Amino acid sequence: MASSQSEKPQSVHDFVVKDVRGNDVDLSKYKGKVLLIVNVASQCGLTNSNYPELTQLYDKYKNQDFEILAFPCNQFGHQEPGNNEEIVEFACTRFKAEFPIFDKVDVNGSTAAPIYKYLKSSKGGLFGDSIKWNFSKFLVDKDGHVVDRYAPTTSPLSIEKDIKKLLGVSA
């Protein structure tokens, strides 16, 4: 977290979040990487399209300073009811997800995780402040700044061109 309450976080790198085992993860370890931050759910209608495409993107760019950070959330239609172990087993077994999956969080309301409050304040606009559904996506540059926000229905593969631009990868 920021060192004092009055200091506003300047980037995603200012946050510490919990992994699925409850350990602290300092997001500053992702400095220099392009991040796609996604709130995921196991039982959503969008799950079967999003997880395979996220895995494809991850496999393609994980060795080029790209990381996907998945935050399970049960705030939309109670579509992520399982505990962390069940969530990870589902994502890793069924969809071969290798990207990090973090502790289940709230993304809206007074209990929203600080990282999500920051993401939403960085990119509100058209969508308003609240996350509308599972698989909302935030694209973060190597300096930890949110550069874009995508709707839940936006296909991960359709974001590839934006990822490549941030990575400096030619077509």
N, C-alpha and C. Protein backbone atom coordinates (compact mmCIF):
# COMPACT_ATOMS: atom_id res chain seq x y z
N MET A 1 0.84 -1.18 0.00
CA MET A 1 0.00 0.00 0.00
C MET A 1 0.88 1.25 0.00
N ALA A 2 0.27 2.36 -0.31
CA ALA A 2 1.02 3.61 -0.27
C ALA A 2 1.50 3.85 1.17
N SER A 3 2.62 4.52 1.30
CA SER A 3 3.24 4.63 2.62
C SER A 3 2.40 5.41 3.63
N SER A 4 1.62 6.36 3.17
CA SER A 4 0.72 7.02 4.13
C SER A 4 -0.65 7.16 3.49
N GLN A 5 -1.65 7.32 4.32
CA GLN A 5 -3.02 7.36 3.82
C GLN A 5 -3.25 8.52 2.86
N SER A 6 -2.51 9.62 3.05
CA SER A 6 -2.74 10.79 2.20
C SER A 6 -2.12 10.63 0.82
N GLU A 7 -1.12 9.77 0.71
CA GLU A 7 -0.49 9.56 -0.59
C GLU A 7 -1.38 8.70 -1.47
N LYS A 8 -1.71 9.25 -2.63
CA LYS A 8 -2.49 8.45 -3.56
C LYS A 8 -1.54 7.53 -4.32
N PRO A 9 -1.96 6.30 -4.55
CA PRO A 9 -1.10 5.41 -5.33
C PRO A 9 -0.87 6.00 -6.71
N GLN A 10 0.35 5.91 -7.16
CA GLN A 10 0.71 6.46 -8.47
C GLN A 10 0.62 5.43 -9.58
N SER A 11 0.65 4.16 -9.20
CA SER A 11 0.58 3.11 -10.22
C SER A 11 0.13 1.81 -9.56
N VAL A 12 -0.14 0.83 -10.40
CA VAL A 12 -0.50 -0.50 -9.94
C VAL A 12 0.62 -1.06 -9.06
N HIS A 13 1.84 -0.62 -9.32
CA HIS A 13 3.00 -1.14 -8.58
C HIS A 13 3.01 -0.74 -7.11
N ASP A 14 2.14 0.18 -6.72
CA ASP A 14 2.09 0.62 -5.32
C ASP A 14 1.25 -0.30 -4.43
N PHE A 15 0.68 -1.36 -5.00
CA PHE A 15 -0.23 -2.21 -4.24
C PHE A 15 0.39 -3.55 -3.85
N VAL A 16 -0.10 -4.04 -2.72
CA VAL A 16 0.21 -5.40 -2.29
C VAL A 16 -1.12 -6.13 -2.24
N VAL A 17 -1.19 -7.28 -2.89
CA VAL A 17 -2.42 -8.08 -2.91
C VAL A 17 -2.12 -9.46 -2.35
N LYS A 18 -3.14 -10.24 -2.14
CA LYS A 18 -2.97 -11.60 -1.63
C LYS A 18 -3.08 -12.60 -2.77
N ASP A 19 -2.19 -13.60 -2.74
CA ASP A 19 -2.34 -14.68 -3.72
C ASP A 19 -3.36 -15.68 -3.19
N VAL A 20 -3.60 -16.75 -3.94
CA VAL A 20 -4.64 -17.70 -3.54
C VAL A 20 -4.33 -18.41 -2.23
N ARG A 21 -3.08 -18.40 -1.84
CA ARG A 21 -2.73 -19.05 -0.57
C ARG A 21 -2.68 -18.06 0.59
N GLY A 22 -3.06 -16.80 0.30
CA GLY A 22 -3.10 -15.81 1.37
C GLY A 22 -1.77 -15.11 1.61
N ASN A 23 -0.80 -15.33 0.72
CA ASN A 23 0.50 -14.66 0.86
C ASN A 23 0.45 -13.29 0.18
N ASP A 24 1.21 -12.36 0.74
CA ASP A 24 1.29 -11.03 0.14
C ASP A 24 2.10 -11.06 -1.14
N VAL A 25 1.61 -10.39 -2.15
CA VAL A 25 2.33 -10.24 -3.41
C VAL A 25 2.45 -8.74 -3.68
N ASP A 26 3.67 -8.26 -3.71
CA ASP A 26 3.92 -6.85 -3.99
C ASP A 26 3.91 -6.67 -5.51
N LEU A 27 2.95 -5.90 -6.01
CA LEU A 27 2.81 -5.77 -7.46
C LEU A 27 3.98 -5.02 -8.10
N SER A 28 4.85 -4.44 -7.28
CA SER A 28 6.03 -3.79 -7.86
C SER A 28 6.93 -4.81 -8.53
N LYS A 29 6.73 -6.10 -8.22
CA LYS A 29 7.55 -7.13 -8.87
C LYS A 29 7.22 -7.23 -10.37
N TYR A 30 6.11 -6.60 -10.77
CA TYR A 30 5.73 -6.62 -12.18
C TYR A 30 6.19 -5.36 -12.93
N LYS A 31 7.03 -4.54 -12.29
CA LYS A 31 7.55 -3.36 -13.00
C LYS A 31 8.25 -3.83 -14.27
N GLY A 32 8.01 -3.09 -15.35
CA GLY A 32 8.65 -3.46 -16.62
C GLY A 32 7.85 -4.47 -17.41
N LYS A 33 6.69 -4.88 -16.88
CA LYS A 33 5.84 -5.82 -17.62
C LYS A 33 4.51 -5.15 -17.97
N VAL A 34 3.97 -5.55 -19.10
CA VAL A 34 2.63 -5.14 -19.48
C VAL A 34 1.67 -6.11 -18.78
N LEU A 35 0.64 -5.57 -18.14
CA LEU A 35 -0.29 -6.40 -17.39
C LEU A 35 -1.70 -6.32 -17.96
N LEU A 36 -2.38 -7.46 -17.94
CA LEU A 36 -3.80 -7.48 -18.21
C LEU A 36 -4.45 -7.98 -16.93
N ILE A 37 -5.21 -7.11 -16.27
CA ILE A 37 -5.83 -7.44 -14.99
C ILE A 37 -7.31 -7.72 -15.24
N VAL A 38 -7.76 -8.90 -14.82
CA VAL A 38 -9.09 -9.38 -15.16
C VAL A 38 -9.79 -9.92 -13.92
N ASN A 39 -11.08 -9.57 -13.75
CA ASN A 39 -11.85 -10.23 -12.69
C ASN A 39 -12.53 -11.44 -13.31
N VAL A 40 -12.21 -12.62 -12.78
CA VAL A 40 -12.64 -13.87 -13.39
C VAL A 40 -13.72 -14.57 -12.57
N ALA A 41 -14.44 -15.47 -13.23
CA ALA A 41 -15.45 -16.30 -12.57
C ALA A 41 -15.51 -17.64 -13.28
N SER A 42 -15.79 -18.68 -12.52
CA SER A 42 -15.79 -20.04 -13.06
C SER A 42 -17.10 -20.41 -13.74
N GLN A 43 -18.21 -19.78 -13.33
CA GLN A 43 -19.51 -20.23 -13.81
C GLN A 43 -20.24 -19.20 -14.66
N CYS A 44 -19.49 -18.32 -15.27
CA CYS A 44 -20.07 -17.26 -16.09
C CYS A 44 -20.23 -17.74 -17.52
N GLY A 45 -21.21 -17.18 -18.23
CA GLY A 45 -21.37 -17.51 -19.64
C GLY A 45 -20.16 -17.09 -20.46
N LEU A 46 -19.38 -16.15 -19.94
CA LEU A 46 -18.20 -15.67 -20.68
C LEU A 46 -16.94 -16.50 -20.37
N THR A 47 -17.05 -17.41 -19.40
CA THR A 47 -15.87 -18.17 -18.96
C THR A 47 -15.27 -18.98 -20.09
N ASN A 48 -16.11 -19.69 -20.83
CA ASN A 48 -15.59 -20.62 -21.84
C ASN A 48 -14.91 -19.94 -23.00
N SER A 49 -15.22 -18.66 -23.23
CA SER A 49 -14.51 -17.95 -24.29
C SER A 49 -13.30 -17.20 -23.73
N ASN A 50 -13.44 -16.65 -22.53
CA ASN A 50 -12.37 -15.82 -21.99
C ASN A 50 -11.15 -16.61 -21.53
N TYR A 51 -11.36 -17.66 -20.76
CA TYR A 51 -10.20 -18.38 -20.23
C TYR A 51 -9.29 -18.94 -21.34
N PRO A 52 -9.84 -19.61 -22.37
CA PRO A 52 -8.94 -20.12 -23.43
C PRO A 52 -8.19 -19.00 -24.15
N GLU A 53 -8.87 -17.87 -24.39
CA GLU A 53 -8.20 -16.77 -25.09
C GLU A 53 -7.14 -16.11 -24.21
N LEU A 54 -7.44 -15.98 -22.91
CA LEU A 54 -6.43 -15.44 -22.00
C LEU A 54 -5.21 -16.35 -21.98
N THR A 55 -5.45 -17.65 -21.96
CA THR A 55 -4.35 -18.62 -21.96
C THR A 55 -3.53 -18.51 -23.25
N GLN A 56 -4.22 -18.34 -24.38
CA GLN A 56 -3.51 -18.16 -25.65
C GLN A 56 -2.60 -16.93 -25.62
N LEU A 57 -3.15 -15.81 -25.15
CA LEU A 57 -2.36 -14.58 -25.07
C LEU A 57 -1.16 -14.78 -24.14
N TYR A 58 -1.43 -15.41 -23.01
CA TYR A 58 -0.37 -15.62 -22.02
C TYR A 58 0.74 -16.48 -22.61
N ASP A 59 0.36 -17.57 -23.24
CA ASP A 59 1.36 -18.47 -23.83
C ASP A 59 2.20 -17.76 -24.89
N LYS A 60 1.56 -16.88 -25.62
CA LYS A 60 2.23 -16.20 -26.72
C LYS A 60 3.21 -15.12 -26.24
N TYR A 61 2.84 -14.42 -25.14
CA TYR A 61 3.62 -13.24 -24.75
C TYR A 61 4.28 -13.31 -23.37
N LYS A 62 4.10 -14.44 -22.67
CA LYS A 62 4.63 -14.50 -21.29
C LYS A 62 6.15 -14.36 -21.24
N ASN A 63 6.83 -14.71 -22.31
CA ASN A 63 8.28 -14.56 -22.33
C ASN A 63 8.71 -13.21 -22.89
N GLN A 64 7.74 -12.33 -23.10
CA GLN A 64 8.03 -10.99 -23.65
C GLN A 64 7.53 -9.91 -22.70
N ASP A 65 7.68 -10.14 -21.41
CA ASP A 65 7.29 -9.13 -20.41
C ASP A 65 5.79 -8.85 -20.39
N PHE A 66 5.00 -9.91 -20.51
CA PHE A 66 3.55 -9.78 -20.42
C PHE A 66 3.05 -10.70 -19.32
N GLU A 67 2.11 -10.20 -18.52
CA GLU A 67 1.55 -11.00 -17.43
C GLU A 67 0.06 -10.73 -17.33
N ILE A 68 -0.68 -11.79 -17.04
CA ILE A 68 -2.11 -11.65 -16.77
C ILE A 68 -2.31 -11.86 -15.27
N LEU A 69 -3.03 -10.96 -14.63
CA LEU A 69 -3.33 -11.09 -13.21
C LEU A 69 -4.84 -11.31 -13.08
N ALA A 70 -5.23 -12.48 -12.60
CA ALA A 70 -6.64 -12.83 -12.51
C ALA A 70 -7.12 -12.74 -11.06
N PHE A 71 -8.19 -11.98 -10.87
CA PHE A 71 -8.79 -11.81 -9.54
C PHE A 71 -10.19 -12.41 -9.54
N PRO A 72 -10.37 -13.57 -8.94
CA PRO A 72 -11.72 -14.14 -8.86
C PRO A 72 -12.65 -13.20 -8.08
N CYS A 73 -13.90 -13.15 -8.52
CA CYS A 73 -14.88 -12.28 -7.87
C CYS A 73 -16.24 -12.94 -7.94
N ASN A 74 -16.98 -12.90 -6.83
CA ASN A 74 -18.28 -13.55 -6.75
C ASN A 74 -19.42 -12.53 -6.70
N GLN A 75 -19.16 -11.31 -7.16
CA GLN A 75 -20.17 -10.25 -7.04
C GLN A 75 -21.19 -10.22 -8.18
N PHE A 76 -20.98 -11.03 -9.20
CA PHE A 76 -21.87 -10.97 -10.37
C PHE A 76 -22.57 -12.31 -10.52
N GLY A 77 -23.83 -12.35 -10.13
CA GLY A 77 -24.62 -13.56 -10.28
C GLY A 77 -24.08 -14.73 -9.46
N HIS A 78 -23.25 -14.45 -8.46
CA HIS A 78 -22.65 -15.50 -7.62
C HIS A 78 -22.03 -16.60 -8.47
N GLN A 79 -21.27 -16.19 -9.48
CA GLN A 79 -20.71 -17.14 -10.44
C GLN A 79 -19.28 -17.59 -10.10
N GLU A 80 -18.82 -17.19 -8.92
CA GLU A 80 -17.51 -17.67 -8.45
C GLU A 80 -17.68 -18.09 -6.98
N PRO A 81 -18.54 -19.10 -6.73
CA PRO A 81 -18.87 -19.45 -5.34
C PRO A 81 -17.79 -20.26 -4.63
N GLY A 82 -16.89 -20.87 -5.38
CA GLY A 82 -15.93 -21.79 -4.77
C GLY A 82 -14.89 -21.10 -3.92
N ASN A 83 -14.16 -21.91 -3.16
CA ASN A 83 -13.02 -21.36 -2.43
C ASN A 83 -11.82 -21.26 -3.37
N ASN A 84 -10.75 -20.68 -2.89
CA ASN A 84 -9.59 -20.43 -3.75
C ASN A 84 -9.06 -21.71 -4.39
N GLU A 85 -9.00 -22.79 -3.61
CA GLU A 85 -8.47 -24.04 -4.17
C GLU A 85 -9.33 -24.53 -5.32
N GLU A 86 -10.64 -24.45 -5.15
CA GLU A 86 -11.55 -24.90 -6.22
C GLU A 86 -11.41 -24.02 -7.46
N ILE A 87 -11.26 -22.73 -7.23
CA ILE A 87 -11.12 -21.78 -8.35
C ILE A 87 -9.86 -22.09 -9.14
N VAL A 88 -8.76 -22.27 -8.43
CA VAL A 88 -7.49 -22.54 -9.12
C VAL A 88 -7.54 -23.88 -9.83
N GLU A 89 -8.11 -24.87 -9.18
CA GLU A 89 -8.19 -26.18 -9.82
C GLU A 89 -9.00 -26.10 -11.10
N PHE A 90 -10.10 -25.37 -11.05
CA PHE A 90 -10.96 -25.19 -12.22
C PHE A 90 -10.18 -24.52 -13.35
N ALA A 91 -9.55 -23.39 -13.04
CA ALA A 91 -8.86 -22.61 -14.08
C ALA A 91 -7.67 -23.39 -14.64
N CYS A 92 -6.94 -24.05 -13.76
CA CYS A 92 -5.71 -24.71 -14.19
C CYS A 92 -5.98 -26.04 -14.85
N THR A 93 -6.97 -26.77 -14.36
CA THR A 93 -7.24 -28.08 -14.93
C THR A 93 -8.05 -27.96 -16.20
N ARG A 94 -9.14 -27.23 -16.10
CA ARG A 94 -10.04 -27.16 -17.25
C ARG A 94 -9.48 -26.28 -18.36
N PHE A 95 -8.85 -25.19 -17.98
CA PHE A 95 -8.42 -24.23 -19.01
C PHE A 95 -6.90 -24.09 -19.11
N LYS A 96 -6.16 -24.89 -18.35
CA LYS A 96 -4.69 -24.88 -18.42
C LYS A 96 -4.13 -23.48 -18.17
N ALA A 97 -4.81 -22.72 -17.32
CA ALA A 97 -4.34 -21.37 -17.01
C ALA A 97 -3.04 -21.46 -16.22
N GLU A 98 -2.03 -20.77 -16.69
CA GLU A 98 -0.75 -20.75 -15.98
C GLU A 98 -0.47 -19.38 -15.36
N PHE A 99 -1.29 -18.41 -15.69
CA PHE A 99 -1.06 -17.06 -15.16
C PHE A 99 -1.51 -17.02 -13.70
N PRO A 100 -0.99 -16.06 -12.93
CA PRO A 100 -1.32 -16.01 -11.51
C PRO A 100 -2.78 -15.70 -11.25
N ILE A 101 -3.35 -16.47 -10.32
CA ILE A 101 -4.71 -16.23 -9.87
C ILE A 101 -4.61 -15.83 -8.41
N PHE A 102 -5.24 -14.72 -8.07
CA PHE A 102 -5.10 -14.15 -6.74
C PHE A 102 -6.29 -14.52 -5.85
N ASP A 103 -6.24 -14.02 -4.63
CA ASP A 103 -7.30 -14.23 -3.66
C ASP A 103 -8.59 -13.62 -4.19
N LYS A 104 -9.71 -14.26 -3.88
CA LYS A 104 -11.01 -13.74 -4.32
C LYS A 104 -11.24 -12.35 -3.72
N VAL A 105 -11.72 -11.43 -4.53
CA VAL A 105 -11.91 -10.05 -4.08
C VAL A 105 -13.30 -9.56 -4.47
N ASP A 106 -13.68 -8.44 -3.84
CA ASP A 106 -14.81 -7.66 -4.32
C ASP A 106 -14.22 -6.57 -5.21
N VAL A 107 -14.92 -6.26 -6.30
CA VAL A 107 -14.42 -5.21 -7.20
C VAL A 107 -15.30 -3.96 -7.14
N ASN A 108 -16.47 -4.09 -6.52
CA ASN A 108 -17.38 -2.95 -6.39
C ASN A 108 -17.78 -2.76 -4.94
N GLY A 109 -18.26 -1.55 -4.65
CA GLY A 109 -18.81 -1.29 -3.33
C GLY A 109 -17.74 -0.92 -2.31
N SER A 110 -18.18 -0.75 -1.08
CA SER A 110 -17.28 -0.28 -0.03
C SER A 110 -16.21 -1.32 0.32
N THR A 111 -16.48 -2.58 -0.01
CA THR A 111 -15.51 -3.64 0.29
C THR A 111 -14.59 -3.94 -0.89
N ALA A 112 -14.65 -3.13 -1.93
CA ALA A 112 -13.82 -3.37 -3.11
C ALA A 112 -12.33 -3.34 -2.72
N ALA A 113 -11.59 -4.25 -3.32
CA ALA A 113 -10.15 -4.31 -3.09
C ALA A 113 -9.51 -2.98 -3.52
N PRO A 114 -8.52 -2.49 -2.76
CA PRO A 114 -7.87 -1.22 -3.11
C PRO A 114 -7.35 -1.18 -4.54
N ILE A 115 -6.81 -2.29 -5.03
CA ILE A 115 -6.30 -2.32 -6.41
C ILE A 115 -7.45 -2.02 -7.39
N TYR A 116 -8.64 -2.53 -7.10
CA TYR A 116 -9.78 -2.27 -8.00
C TYR A 116 -10.30 -0.85 -7.87
N LYS A 117 -10.22 -0.28 -6.68
CA LYS A 117 -10.60 1.13 -6.54
C LYS A 117 -9.67 1.99 -7.41
N TYR A 118 -8.39 1.63 -7.39
CA TYR A 118 -7.42 2.37 -8.21
C TYR A 118 -7.69 2.18 -9.70
N LEU A 119 -7.88 0.95 -10.12
CA LEU A 119 -8.12 0.67 -11.54
C LEU A 119 -9.34 1.45 -12.04
N LYS A 120 -10.41 1.42 -11.25
CA LYS A 120 -11.64 2.09 -11.68
C LYS A 120 -11.48 3.60 -11.69
N SER A 121 -10.73 4.14 -10.73
CA SER A 121 -10.54 5.59 -10.72
C SER A 121 -9.65 6.04 -11.88
N SER A 122 -8.79 5.12 -12.35
CA SER A 122 -7.91 5.45 -13.48
C SER A 122 -8.67 5.43 -14.80
N LYS A 123 -9.60 4.51 -14.91
CA LYS A 123 -10.35 4.37 -16.16
C LYS A 123 -11.82 4.17 -15.85
N GLY A 124 -12.51 5.28 -15.64
CA GLY A 124 -13.95 5.19 -15.43
C GLY A 124 -14.62 5.47 -16.75
N GLY A 125 -15.05 6.71 -16.89
CA GLY A 125 -15.57 7.17 -18.18
C GLY A 125 -16.84 6.48 -18.59
N LEU A 126 -16.81 5.99 -19.81
CA LEU A 126 -17.96 5.38 -20.46
C LEU A 126 -18.68 4.38 -19.58
N PHE A 127 -17.90 3.62 -18.83
CA PHE A 127 -18.47 2.52 -18.06
C PHE A 127 -18.97 2.97 -16.69
N GLY A 128 -18.74 4.25 -16.36
CA GLY A 128 -19.00 4.68 -14.99
C GLY A 128 -17.91 4.06 -14.14
N ASP A 129 -18.04 4.17 -12.84
CA ASP A 129 -16.97 3.67 -12.01
C ASP A 129 -17.05 2.18 -11.75
N SER A 130 -18.27 1.66 -11.71
CA SER A 130 -18.36 0.27 -11.27
C SER A 130 -18.03 -0.71 -12.38
N ILE A 131 -17.53 -1.86 -11.94
CA ILE A 131 -17.30 -2.98 -12.85
C ILE A 131 -18.68 -3.56 -13.14
N LYS A 132 -18.96 -3.82 -14.41
CA LYS A 132 -20.31 -4.24 -14.78
C LYS A 132 -20.53 -5.75 -14.66
N TRP A 133 -19.47 -6.55 -14.88
CA TRP A 133 -19.67 -8.00 -14.90
C TRP A 133 -18.31 -8.69 -14.83
N ASN A 134 -18.34 -10.01 -14.83
CA ASN A 134 -17.11 -10.79 -14.85
C ASN A 134 -16.32 -10.50 -16.12
N PHE A 135 -15.02 -10.68 -16.03
CA PHE A 135 -14.11 -10.55 -17.17
C PHE A 135 -14.01 -9.12 -17.72
N SER A 136 -14.16 -8.13 -16.84
CA SER A 136 -13.76 -6.77 -17.21
C SER A 136 -12.23 -6.79 -17.24
N LYS A 137 -11.64 -6.06 -18.17
CA LYS A 137 -10.20 -6.15 -18.36
C LYS A 137 -9.56 -4.76 -18.32
N PHE A 138 -8.44 -4.68 -17.60
CA PHE A 138 -7.67 -3.44 -17.56
C PHE A 138 -6.28 -3.73 -18.12
N LEU A 139 -5.87 -2.91 -19.09
CA LEU A 139 -4.53 -3.06 -19.67
C LEU A 139 -3.63 -2.02 -19.01
N VAL A 140 -2.50 -2.50 -18.49
CA VAL A 140 -1.59 -1.67 -17.71
C VAL A 140 -0.22 -1.68 -18.39
N ASP A 141 0.39 -0.49 -18.52
CA ASP A 141 1.69 -0.43 -19.20
C ASP A 141 2.83 -0.82 -18.24
N LYS A 142 4.05 -0.82 -18.79
CA LYS A 142 5.21 -1.29 -18.02
C LYS A 142 5.51 -0.43 -16.80
N ASP A 143 4.97 0.79 -16.79
CA ASP A 143 5.17 1.68 -15.64
C ASP A 143 4.05 1.56 -14.62
N GLY A 144 3.09 0.65 -14.87
CA GLY A 144 2.02 0.44 -13.90
C GLY A 144 0.83 1.35 -14.06
N HIS A 145 0.74 2.04 -15.21
CA HIS A 145 -0.38 2.95 -15.45
C HIS A 145 -1.44 2.27 -16.31
N VAL A 146 -2.69 2.49 -15.94
CA VAL A 146 -3.80 1.90 -16.69
C VAL A 146 -3.95 2.66 -18.00
N VAL A 147 -3.83 1.94 -19.10
CA VAL A 147 -3.95 2.61 -20.40
C VAL A 147 -5.28 2.34 -21.08
N ASP A 148 -5.94 1.25 -20.71
CA ASP A 148 -7.23 0.99 -21.34
C ASP A 148 -8.07 0.07 -20.47
N ARG A 149 -9.36 0.12 -20.73
CA ARG A 149 -10.32 -0.73 -20.03
C ARG A 149 -11.24 -1.33 -21.06
N TYR A 150 -11.53 -2.62 -20.91
CA TYR A 150 -12.35 -3.31 -21.90
C TYR A 150 -13.56 -3.95 -21.23
N ALA A 151 -14.65 -3.98 -21.96
CA ALA A 151 -15.89 -4.55 -21.44
C ALA A 151 -15.75 -6.06 -21.27
N PRO A 152 -16.59 -6.65 -20.40
CA PRO A 152 -16.56 -8.10 -20.21
C PRO A 152 -16.70 -8.87 -21.51
N THR A 153 -17.49 -8.33 -22.43
CA THR A 153 -17.74 -9.05 -23.68
C THR A 153 -16.61 -8.88 -24.71
N THR A 154 -15.64 -8.03 -24.41
CA THR A 154 -14.51 -7.86 -25.33
C THR A 154 -13.65 -9.11 -25.30
N SER A 155 -13.43 -9.68 -26.46
CA SER A 155 -12.63 -10.89 -26.55
C SER A 155 -11.17 -10.58 -26.22
N PRO A 156 -10.54 -11.38 -25.36
CA PRO A 156 -9.13 -11.14 -25.05
C PRO A 156 -8.25 -11.06 -26.30
N LEU A 157 -8.54 -11.89 -27.31
CA LEU A 157 -7.70 -11.88 -28.51
C LEU A 157 -7.83 -10.57 -29.27
N SER A 158 -8.96 -9.89 -29.12
CA SER A 158 -9.12 -8.61 -29.83
C SER A 158 -8.27 -7.51 -29.19
N ILE A 159 -7.73 -7.77 -27.99
CA ILE A 159 -6.88 -6.79 -27.30
C ILE A 159 -5.41 -6.99 -27.70
N GLU A 160 -5.14 -8.07 -28.42
CA GLU A 160 -3.75 -8.42 -28.72
C GLU A 160 -2.97 -7.28 -29.36
N LYS A 161 -3.60 -6.57 -30.27
CA LYS A 161 -2.88 -5.48 -30.95
C LYS A 161 -2.44 -4.40 -29.95
N ASP A 162 -3.29 -4.13 -28.94
CA ASP A 162 -2.94 -3.13 -27.93
C ASP A 162 -1.80 -3.64 -27.03
N ILE A 163 -1.84 -4.93 -26.74
CA ILE A 163 -0.77 -5.54 -25.93
C ILE A 163 0.55 -5.44 -26.69
N LYS A 164 0.51 -5.80 -27.98
CA LYS A 164 1.73 -5.78 -28.79
C LYS A 164 2.32 -4.38 -28.87
N LYS A 165 1.44 -3.40 -28.96
CA LYS A 165 1.91 -2.01 -29.04
C LYS A 165 2.67 -1.65 -27.75
N LEU A 166 2.11 -2.03 -26.60
CA LEU A 166 2.76 -1.72 -25.32
C LEU A 166 4.06 -2.51 -25.14
N LEU A 167 4.09 -3.71 -25.69
CA LEU A 167 5.29 -4.55 -25.59
C LEU A 167 6.36 -4.12 -26.60
N GLY A 168 5.92 -3.31 -27.60
CA GLY A 168 6.85 -2.94 -28.66
C GLY A 168 7.15 -4.10 -29.59
N VAL A 169 6.15 -4.99 -29.76
CA VAL A 169 6.29 -6.15 -30.63
C VAL A 169 5.64 -5.81 -31.96
N SER A 170 6.36 -6.06 -33.04
CA SER A 170 5.75 -5.77 -34.34
C SER A 170 4.82 -6.90 -34.73
N ALA A 171 3.96 -6.62 -35.67
CA ALA A 171 2.90 -7.57 -36.07
C ALA A 171 3.45 -8.90 -36.49
